[in-house]
Amino acid sequence: MTHTTTPDILNRLKRAQGHFAKIVQMVEEGRDALTIAQQLQAVVKAVDKAKIALVLHHIEHHLEEATGPLPIQTRARLSEMAEIIKYL
């Protein structure tokens, strides 16, 4: 398993995939546009969260690869970065 296939990221993407399949079904059934749009927004948000998790994991992985184990203070700073990235 590479650092880009962590269980958390895969789980997020699989949930989004399943949710998206349900949306396709809703469109095929002729459900109303407002409901479909709301569900599409939920999938977009889920994919965004998976993307953020992937990027943060990638940064942490390569930092440790370059510098060795990260000190507690550095991990704390990375956690702070993760919190603010949610607002991008």
PDB file of N, CA and C in Angstrom:
ATOM      1  N   MET A   1       0.846  -1.182   0.000  1.00  0.00           N
ATOM      2  CA  MET A   1       0.000   0.000   0.000  1.00  0.00           C
ATOM      3  C   MET A   1       0.889   1.242   0.000  1.00  0.00           C
ATOM      4  N   THR A   2       0.620   2.180  -0.898  1.00  0.00           N
ATOM      5  CA  THR A   2       1.379   3.418  -0.915  1.00  0.00           C
ATOM      6  C   THR A   2       0.720   4.421   0.015  1.00  0.00           C
ATOM      7  N   HIS A   3       1.419   5.509   0.240  1.00  0.00           N
ATOM      8  CA  HIS A   3       0.853   6.520   1.125  1.00  0.00           C
ATOM      9  C   HIS A   3      -0.385   7.181   0.536  1.00  0.00           C
ATOM     10  N   THR A   4      -0.618   7.014  -0.757  1.00  0.00           N
ATOM     11  CA  THR A   4      -1.797   7.634  -1.368  1.00  0.00           C
ATOM     12  C   THR A   4      -3.030   6.732  -1.308  1.00  0.00           C
ATOM     13  N   THR A   5      -2.891   5.537  -0.783  1.00  0.00           N
ATOM     14  CA  THR A   5      -4.046   4.638  -0.701  1.00  0.00           C
ATOM     15  C   THR A   5      -4.366   4.283   0.746  1.00  0.00           C
ATOM     16  N   THR A   6      -4.282   5.252   1.603  1.00  0.00           N
ATOM     17  CA  THR A   6      -4.620   4.994   2.997  1.00  0.00           C
ATOM     18  C   THR A   6      -6.091   4.621   3.107  1.00  0.00           C
ATOM     19  N   PRO A   7      -6.446   3.789   4.066  1.00  0.00           N
ATOM     20  CA  PRO A   7      -7.848   3.369   4.215  1.00  0.00           C
ATOM     21  C   PRO A   7      -8.820   4.540   4.340  1.00  0.00           C
ATOM     22  N   ASP A   8      -8.444   5.596   5.030  1.00  0.00           N
ATOM     23  CA  ASP A   8      -9.342   6.732   5.208  1.00  0.00           C
ATOM     24  C   ASP A   8      -9.696   7.364   3.862  1.00  0.00           C
ATOM     25  N   ILE A   9      -8.704   7.568   3.033  1.00  0.00           N
ATOM     26  CA  ILE A   9      -8.947   8.198   1.731  1.00  0.00           C
ATOM     27  C   ILE A   9      -9.795   7.280   0.850  1.00  0.00           C
ATOM     28  N   LEU A  10      -9.450   6.014   0.823  1.00  0.00           N
ATOM     29  CA  LEU A  10     -10.242   5.068   0.024  1.00  0.00           C
ATOM     30  C   LEU A  10     -11.684   4.999   0.512  1.00  0.00           C
ATOM     31  N   ASN A  11     -11.880   4.970   1.804  1.00  0.00           N
ATOM     32  CA  ASN A  11     -13.241   4.923   2.348  1.00  0.00           C
ATOM     33  C   ASN A  11     -14.045   6.153   1.953  1.00  0.00           C
ATOM     34  N   ARG A  12     -13.423   7.317   2.042  1.00  0.00           N
ATOM     35  CA  ARG A  12     -14.103   8.554   1.650  1.00  0.00           C
ATOM     36  C   ARG A  12     -14.521   8.503   0.182  1.00  0.00           C
ATOM     37  N   LEU A  13     -13.609   8.060  -0.671  1.00  0.00           N
ATOM     38  CA  LEU A  13     -13.900   8.009  -2.099  1.00  0.00           C
ATOM     39  C   LEU A  13     -14.962   6.961  -2.430  1.00  0.00           C
ATOM     40  N   LYS A  14     -14.919   5.832  -1.758  1.00  0.00           N
ATOM     41  CA  LYS A  14     -15.927   4.795  -2.001  1.00  0.00           C
ATOM     42  C   LYS A  14     -17.318   5.255  -1.559  1.00  0.00           C
ATOM     43  N   ARG A  15     -17.383   5.973  -0.436  1.00  0.00           N
ATOM     44  CA  ARG A  15     -18.672   6.517   0.005  1.00  0.00           C
ATOM     45  C   ARG A  15     -19.200   7.517  -1.018  1.00  0.00           C
ATOM     46  N   ALA A  16     -18.324   8.390  -1.511  1.00  0.00           N
ATOM     47  CA  ALA A  16     -18.739   9.370  -2.519  1.00  0.00           C
ATOM     48  C   ALA A  16     -19.196   8.661  -3.789  1.00  0.00           C
ATOM     49  N   GLN A  17     -18.500   7.612  -4.165  1.00  0.00           N
ATOM     50  CA  GLN A  17     -18.851   6.845  -5.357  1.00  0.00           C
ATOM     51  C   GLN A  17     -20.248   6.234  -5.207  1.00  0.00           C
ATOM     52  N   GLY A  18     -20.510   5.640  -4.059  1.00  0.00           N
ATOM     53  CA  GLY A  18     -21.820   5.060  -3.803  1.00  0.00           C
ATOM     54  C   GLY A  18     -22.915   6.109  -3.802  1.00  0.00           C
ATOM     55  N   HIS A  19     -22.623   7.232  -3.194  1.00  0.00           N
ATOM     56  CA  HIS A  19     -23.589   8.324  -3.134  1.00  0.00           C
ATOM     57  C   HIS A  19     -23.872   8.844  -4.542  1.00  0.00           C
ATOM     58  N   PHE A  20     -22.822   8.965  -5.342  1.00  0.00           N
ATOM     59  CA  PHE A  20     -22.987   9.457  -6.707  1.00  0.00           C
ATOM     60  C   PHE A  20     -23.853   8.494  -7.528  1.00  0.00           C
ATOM     61  N   ALA A  21     -23.666   7.197  -7.326  1.00  0.00           N
ATOM     62  CA  ALA A  21     -24.488   6.205  -8.025  1.00  0.00           C
ATOM     63  C   ALA A  21     -25.969   6.391  -7.681  1.00  0.00           C
ATOM     64  N   LYS A  22     -26.241   6.715  -6.437  1.00  0.00           N
ATOM     65  CA  LYS A  22     -27.628   6.966  -6.018  1.00  0.00           C
ATOM     66  C   LYS A  22     -28.181   8.210  -6.714  1.00  0.00           C
ATOM     67  N   ILE A  23     -27.334   9.211  -6.903  1.00  0.00           N
ATOM     68  CA  ILE A  23     -27.774  10.428  -7.585  1.00  0.00           C
ATOM     69  C   ILE A  23     -28.122  10.126  -9.039  1.00  0.00           C
ATOM     70  N   VAL A  24     -27.305   9.314  -9.694  1.00  0.00           N
ATOM     71  CA  VAL A  24     -27.607   8.912 -11.069  1.00  0.00           C
ATOM     72  C   VAL A  24     -28.976   8.241 -11.115  1.00  0.00           C
ATOM     73  N   GLN A  25     -29.224   7.387 -10.159  1.00  0.00           N
ATOM     74  CA  GLN A  25     -30.518   6.708 -10.076  1.00  0.00           C
ATOM     75  C   GLN A  25     -31.643   7.729  -9.886  1.00  0.00           C
ATOM     76  N   MET A  26     -31.408   8.719  -9.039  1.00  0.00           N
ATOM     77  CA  MET A  26     -32.420   9.755  -8.815  1.00  0.00           C
ATOM     78  C   MET A  26     -32.740  10.491 -10.115  1.00  0.00           C
ATOM     79  N   VAL A  27     -31.725  10.792 -10.912  1.00  0.00           N
ATOM     80  CA  VAL A  27     -31.931  11.481 -12.184  1.00  0.00           C
ATOM     81  C   VAL A  27     -32.738  10.593 -13.127  1.00  0.00           C
ATOM     82  N   GLU A  28     -32.355   9.323 -13.177  1.00  0.00           N
ATOM     83  CA  GLU A  28     -33.075   8.376 -14.040  1.00  0.00           C
ATOM     84  C   GLU A  28     -34.545   8.245 -13.637  1.00  0.00           C
ATOM     85  N   GLU A  29     -34.822   8.369 -12.356  1.00  0.00           N
ATOM     86  CA  GLU A  29     -36.195   8.269 -11.847  1.00  0.00           C
ATOM     87  C   GLU A  29     -36.972   9.572 -12.000  1.00  0.00           C
ATOM     88  N   GLY A  30     -36.283  10.647 -12.406  1.00  0.00           N
ATOM     89  CA  GLY A  30     -36.953  11.925 -12.599  1.00  0.00           C
ATOM     90  C   GLY A  30     -37.229  12.679 -11.319  1.00  0.00           C
ATOM     91  N   ARG A  31     -36.417  12.460 -10.303  1.00  0.00           N
ATOM     92  CA  ARG A  31     -36.603  13.186  -9.033  1.00  0.00           C
ATOM     93  C   ARG A  31     -36.412  14.679  -9.256  1.00  0.00           C
ATOM     94  N   ASP A  32     -36.873  15.481  -8.320  1.00  0.00           N
ATOM     95  CA  ASP A  32     -36.828  16.932  -8.513  1.00  0.00           C
ATOM     96  C   ASP A  32     -35.398  17.471  -8.440  1.00  0.00           C
ATOM     97  N   ALA A  33     -35.186  18.544  -9.175  1.00  0.00           N
ATOM     98  CA  ALA A  33     -33.852  19.125  -9.339  1.00  0.00           C
ATOM     99  C   ALA A  33     -33.261  19.613  -8.023  1.00  0.00           C
ATOM    100  N   LEU A  34     -34.068  20.179  -7.146  1.00  0.00           N
ATOM    101  CA  LEU A  34     -33.557  20.693  -5.878  1.00  0.00           C
ATOM    102  C   LEU A  34     -32.940  19.568  -5.053  1.00  0.00           C
ATOM    103  N   THR A  35     -33.630  18.457  -4.961  1.00  0.00           N
ATOM    104  CA  THR A  35     -33.119  17.309  -4.198  1.00  0.00           C
ATOM    105  C   THR A  35     -31.828  16.790  -4.818  1.00  0.00           C
ATOM    106  N   ILE A  36     -31.813  16.695  -6.138  1.00  0.00           N
ATOM    107  CA  ILE A  36     -30.615  16.207  -6.827  1.00  0.00           C
ATOM    108  C   ILE A  36     -29.448  17.170  -6.613  1.00  0.00           C
ATOM    109  N   ALA A  37     -29.709  18.464  -6.728  1.00  0.00           N
ATOM    110  CA  ALA A  37     -28.654  19.451  -6.530  1.00  0.00           C
ATOM    111  C   ALA A  37     -28.086  19.376  -5.120  1.00  0.00           C
ATOM    112  N   GLN A  38     -28.943  19.190  -4.131  1.00  0.00           N
ATOM    113  CA  GLN A  38     -28.477  19.060  -2.749  1.00  0.00           C
ATOM    114  C   GLN A  38     -27.574  17.844  -2.594  1.00  0.00           C
ATOM    115  N   GLN A  39     -27.972  16.744  -3.205  1.00  0.00           N
ATOM    116  CA  GLN A  39     -27.170  15.525  -3.114  1.00  0.00           C
ATOM    117  C   GLN A  39     -25.852  15.668  -3.873  1.00  0.00           C
ATOM    118  N   LEU A  40     -25.890  16.351  -5.009  1.00  0.00           N
ATOM    119  CA  LEU A  40     -24.648  16.604  -5.748  1.00  0.00           C
ATOM    120  C   LEU A  40     -23.683  17.435  -4.909  1.00  0.00           C
ATOM    121  N   GLN A  41     -24.218  18.415  -4.196  1.00  0.00           N
ATOM    122  CA  GLN A  41     -23.356  19.239  -3.342  1.00  0.00           C
ATOM    123  C   GLN A  41     -22.722  18.392  -2.252  1.00  0.00           C
ATOM    124  N   ALA A  42     -23.449  17.436  -1.725  1.00  0.00           N
ATOM    125  CA  ALA A  42     -22.889  16.543  -0.700  1.00  0.00           C
ATOM    126  C   ALA A  42     -21.741  15.719  -1.280  1.00  0.00           C
ATOM    127  N   VAL A  43     -21.882  15.264  -2.518  1.00  0.00           N
ATOM    128  CA  VAL A  43     -20.804  14.498  -3.153  1.00  0.00           C
ATOM    129  C   VAL A  43     -19.591  15.393  -3.401  1.00  0.00           C
ATOM    130  N   VAL A  44     -19.823  16.611  -3.865  1.00  0.00           N
ATOM    131  CA  VAL A  44     -18.720  17.547  -4.090  1.00  0.00           C
ATOM    132  C   VAL A  44     -17.952  17.780  -2.796  1.00  0.00           C
ATOM    133  N   LYS A  45     -18.664  17.976  -1.717  1.00  0.00           N
ATOM    134  CA  LYS A  45     -18.027  18.193  -0.416  1.00  0.00           C
ATOM    135  C   LYS A  45     -17.228  16.960   0.023  1.00  0.00           C
ATOM    136  N   ALA A  46     -17.786  15.778  -0.199  1.00  0.00           N
ATOM    137  CA  ALA A  46     -17.094  14.540   0.164  1.00  0.00           C
ATOM    138  C   ALA A  46     -15.811  14.373  -0.641  1.00  0.00           C
ATOM    139  N   VAL A  47     -15.867  14.686  -1.922  1.00  0.00           N
ATOM    140  CA  VAL A  47     -14.673  14.578  -2.766  1.00  0.00           C
ATOM    141  C   VAL A  47     -13.646  15.629  -2.349  1.00  0.00           C
ATOM    142  N   ASP A  48     -14.095  16.827  -2.028  1.00  0.00           N
ATOM    143  CA  ASP A  48     -13.171  17.862  -1.544  1.00  0.00           C
ATOM    144  C   ASP A  48     -12.457  17.405  -0.273  1.00  0.00           C
ATOM    145  N   LYS A  49     -13.193  16.797   0.646  1.00  0.00           N
ATOM    146  CA  LYS A  49     -12.575  16.313   1.883  1.00  0.00           C
ATOM    147  C   LYS A  49     -11.570  15.206   1.605  1.00  0.00           C
ATOM    148  N   ALA A  50     -11.875  14.342   0.658  1.00  0.00           N
ATOM    149  CA  ALA A  50     -10.928  13.287   0.283  1.00  0.00           C
ATOM    150  C   ALA A  50      -9.672  13.905  -0.321  1.00  0.00           C
ATOM    151  N   LYS A  51      -9.846  14.925  -1.137  1.00  0.00           N
ATOM    152  CA  LYS A  51      -8.704  15.610  -1.753  1.00  0.00           C
ATOM    153  C   LYS A  51      -7.821  16.252  -0.690  1.00  0.00           C
ATOM    154  N   ILE A  52      -8.433  16.916   0.260  1.00  0.00           N
ATOM    155  CA  ILE A  52      -7.672  17.553   1.332  1.00  0.00           C
ATOM    156  C   ILE A  52      -6.907  16.505   2.137  1.00  0.00           C
ATOM    157  N   ALA A  53      -7.569  15.407   2.464  1.00  0.00           N
ATOM    158  CA  ALA A  53      -6.901  14.333   3.214  1.00  0.00           C
ATOM    159  C   ALA A  53      -5.722  13.785   2.428  1.00  0.00           C
ATOM    160  N   LEU A  54      -5.887  13.599   1.133  1.00  0.00           N
ATOM    161  CA  LEU A  54      -4.816  13.091   0.282  1.00  0.00           C
ATOM    162  C   LEU A  54      -3.630  14.046   0.258  1.00  0.00           C
ATOM    163  N   VAL A  55      -3.893  15.329   0.064  1.00  0.00           N
ATOM    164  CA  VAL A  55      -2.815  16.320  -0.012  1.00  0.00           C
ATOM    165  C   VAL A  55      -2.086  16.428   1.320  1.00  0.00           C
ATOM    166  N   LEU A  56      -2.819  16.486   2.415  1.00  0.00           N
ATOM    167  CA  LEU A  56      -2.183  16.584   3.729  1.00  0.00           C
ATOM    168  C   LEU A  56      -1.343  15.346   4.029  1.00  0.00           C
ATOM    169  N   HIS A  57      -1.874  14.189   3.696  1.00  0.00           N
ATOM    170  CA  HIS A  57      -1.121  12.954   3.924  1.00  0.00           C
ATOM    171  C   HIS A  57       0.146  12.946   3.075  1.00  0.00           C
ATOM    172  N   HIS A  58       0.035  13.416   1.851  1.00  0.00           N
ATOM    173  CA  HIS A  58       1.185  13.473   0.947  1.00  0.00           C
ATOM    174  C   HIS A  58       2.267  14.402   1.514  1.00  0.00           C
ATOM    175  N   ILE A  59       1.862  15.563   1.984  1.00  0.00           N
ATOM    176  CA  ILE A  59       2.821  16.522   2.564  1.00  0.00           C
ATOM    177  C   ILE A  59       3.519  15.896   3.764  1.00  0.00           C
ATOM    178  N   GLU A  60       2.733  15.333   4.673  1.00  0.00           N
ATOM    179  CA  GLU A  60       3.320  14.734   5.874  1.00  0.00           C
ATOM    180  C   GLU A  60       4.274  13.597   5.513  1.00  0.00           C
ATOM    181  N   HIS A  61       3.853  12.749   4.592  1.00  0.00           N
ATOM    182  CA  HIS A  61       4.673  11.605   4.185  1.00  0.00           C
ATOM    183  C   HIS A  61       6.023  12.060   3.631  1.00  0.00           C
ATOM    184  N   HIS A  62       5.997  13.046   2.749  1.00  0.00           N
ATOM    185  CA  HIS A  62       7.248  13.470   2.131  1.00  0.00           C
ATOM    186  C   HIS A  62       8.105  14.324   3.059  1.00  0.00           C
ATOM    187  N   LEU A  63       7.482  15.011   4.004  1.00  0.00           N
ATOM    188  CA  LEU A  63       8.272  15.710   5.016  1.00  0.00           C
ATOM    189  C   LEU A  63       9.061  14.710   5.846  1.00  0.00           C
ATOM    190  N   GLU A  64       8.381  13.656   6.281  1.00  0.00           N
ATOM    191  CA  GLU A  64       9.066  12.627   7.077  1.00  0.00           C
ATOM    192  C   GLU A  64      10.121  11.903   6.243  1.00  0.00           C
ATOM    193  N   GLU A  65       9.821  11.704   4.994  1.00  0.00           N
ATOM    194  CA  GLU A  65      10.785  11.046   4.106  1.00  0.00           C
ATOM    195  C   GLU A  65      12.058  11.892   3.982  1.00  0.00           C
ATOM    196  N   ALA A  66      11.898  13.207   3.934  1.00  0.00           N
ATOM    197  CA  ALA A  66      13.033  14.110   3.753  1.00  0.00           C
ATOM    198  C   ALA A  66      13.778  14.410   5.051  1.00  0.00           C
ATOM    199  N   THR A  67      13.034  14.456   6.165  1.00  0.00           N
ATOM    200  CA  THR A  67      13.653  14.916   7.407  1.00  0.00           C
ATOM    201  C   THR A  67      13.743  13.866   8.500  1.00  0.00           C
ATOM    202  N   GLY A  68      13.082  12.746   8.313  1.00  0.00           N
ATOM    203  CA  GLY A  68      13.004  11.753   9.375  1.00  0.00           C
ATOM    204  C   GLY A  68      11.750  11.988  10.190  1.00  0.00           C
ATOM    205  N   PRO A  69      11.583  11.252  11.288  1.00  0.00           N
ATOM    206  CA  PRO A  69      10.373  11.398  12.112  1.00  0.00           C
ATOM    207  C   PRO A  69      10.153  12.851  12.534  1.00  0.00           C
ATOM    208  N   LEU A  70       8.911  13.280  12.440  1.00  0.00           N
ATOM    209  CA  LEU A  70       8.583  14.668  12.758  1.00  0.00           C
ATOM    210  C   LEU A  70       8.409  14.850  14.266  1.00  0.00           C
ATOM    211  N   PRO A  71       9.002  15.931  14.797  1.00  0.00           N
ATOM    212  CA  PRO A  71       8.809  16.223  16.224  1.00  0.00           C
ATOM    213  C   PRO A  71       7.350  16.572  16.517  1.00  0.00           C
ATOM    214  N   ILE A  72       6.989  16.472  17.773  1.00  0.00           N
ATOM    215  CA  ILE A  72       5.613  16.756  18.201  1.00  0.00           C
ATOM    216  C   ILE A  72       5.197  18.167  17.806  1.00  0.00           C
ATOM    217  N   GLN A  73       6.105  19.135  17.940  1.00  0.00           N
ATOM    218  CA  GLN A  73       5.772  20.517  17.592  1.00  0.00           C
ATOM    219  C   GLN A  73       5.433  20.637  16.103  1.00  0.00           C
ATOM    220  N   THR A  74       6.168  19.941  15.259  1.00  0.00           N
ATOM    221  CA  THR A  74       5.918  19.992  13.817  1.00  0.00           C
ATOM    222  C   THR A  74       4.583  19.343  13.500  1.00  0.00           C
ATOM    223  N   ARG A  75       4.297  18.231  14.153  1.00  0.00           N
ATOM    224  CA  ARG A  75       2.998  17.582  13.945  1.00  0.00           C
ATOM    225  C   ARG A  75       1.855  18.508  14.374  1.00  0.00           C
ATOM    226  N   ALA A  76       2.062  19.247  15.448  1.00  0.00           N
ATOM    227  CA  ALA A  76       1.047  20.191  15.906  1.00  0.00           C
ATOM    228  C   ALA A  76       0.826  21.285  14.863  1.00  0.00           C
ATOM    229  N   ARG A  77       1.908  21.775  14.271  1.00  0.00           N
ATOM    230  CA  ARG A  77       1.785  22.797  13.219  1.00  0.00           C
ATOM    231  C   ARG A  77       1.064  22.234  12.003  1.00  0.00           C
ATOM    232  N   LEU A  78       1.352  20.994  11.647  1.00  0.00           N
ATOM    233  CA  LEU A  78       0.658  20.358  10.527  1.00  0.00           C
ATOM    234  C   LEU A  78      -0.837  20.229  10.816  1.00  0.00           C
ATOM    235  N   SER A  79      -1.179  19.937  12.045  1.00  0.00           N
ATOM    236  CA  SER A  79      -2.590  19.855  12.432  1.00  0.00           C
ATOM    237  C   SER A  79      -3.265  21.209  12.286  1.00  0.00           C
ATOM    238  N   GLU A  80      -2.550  22.268  12.653  1.00  0.00           N
ATOM    239  CA  GLU A  80      -3.083  23.621  12.479  1.00  0.00           C
ATOM    240  C   GLU A  80      -3.307  23.914  10.999  1.00  0.00           C
ATOM    241  N   MET A  81      -2.359  23.524  10.160  1.00  0.00           N
ATOM    242  CA  MET A  81      -2.504  23.718   8.716  1.00  0.00           C
ATOM    243  C   MET A  81      -3.721  22.958   8.199  1.00  0.00           C
ATOM    244  N   ALA A  82      -3.908  21.754   8.682  1.00  0.00           N
ATOM    245  CA  ALA A  82      -5.045  20.944   8.246  1.00  0.00           C
ATOM    246  C   ALA A  82      -6.361  21.629   8.594  1.00  0.00           C
ATOM    247  N   GLU A  83      -6.408  22.270   9.746  1.00  0.00           N
ATOM    248  CA  GLU A  83      -7.635  22.959  10.152  1.00  0.00           C
ATOM    249  C   GLU A  83      -7.947  24.132   9.238  1.00  0.00           C
ATOM    250  N   ILE A  84      -6.942  24.918   8.892  1.00  0.00           N
ATOM    251  CA  ILE A  84      -7.200  26.097   8.064  1.00  0.00           C
ATOM    252  C   ILE A  84      -7.456  25.738   6.608  1.00  0.00           C
ATOM    253  N   ILE A  85      -6.896  24.627   6.155  1.00  0.00           N
ATOM    254  CA  ILE A  85      -7.083  24.199   4.764  1.00  0.00           C
ATOM    255  C   ILE A  85      -8.547  23.878   4.497  1.00  0.00           C
ATOM    256  N   LYS A  86      -9.295  23.517   5.514  1.00  0.00           N
ATOM    257  CA  LYS A  86     -10.715  23.216   5.342  1.00  0.00           C
ATOM    258  C   LYS A  86     -11.483  24.404   4.760  1.00  0.00           C
ATOM    259  N   TYR A  87     -10.947  25.597   4.919  1.00  0.00           N
ATOM    260  CA  TYR A  87     -11.646  26.793   4.474  1.00  0.00           C
ATOM    261  C   TYR A  87     -11.269  27.233   3.059  1.00  0.00           C
ATOM    262  N   LEU A  88     -10.442  26.468   2.397  1.00  0.00           N
ATOM    263  CA  LEU A  88     -10.078  26.800   1.013  1.00  0.00           C
ATOM    264  C   LEU A  88     -11.194  26.419   0.066  1.00  0.00           C
TER     265      LEU A  88
END
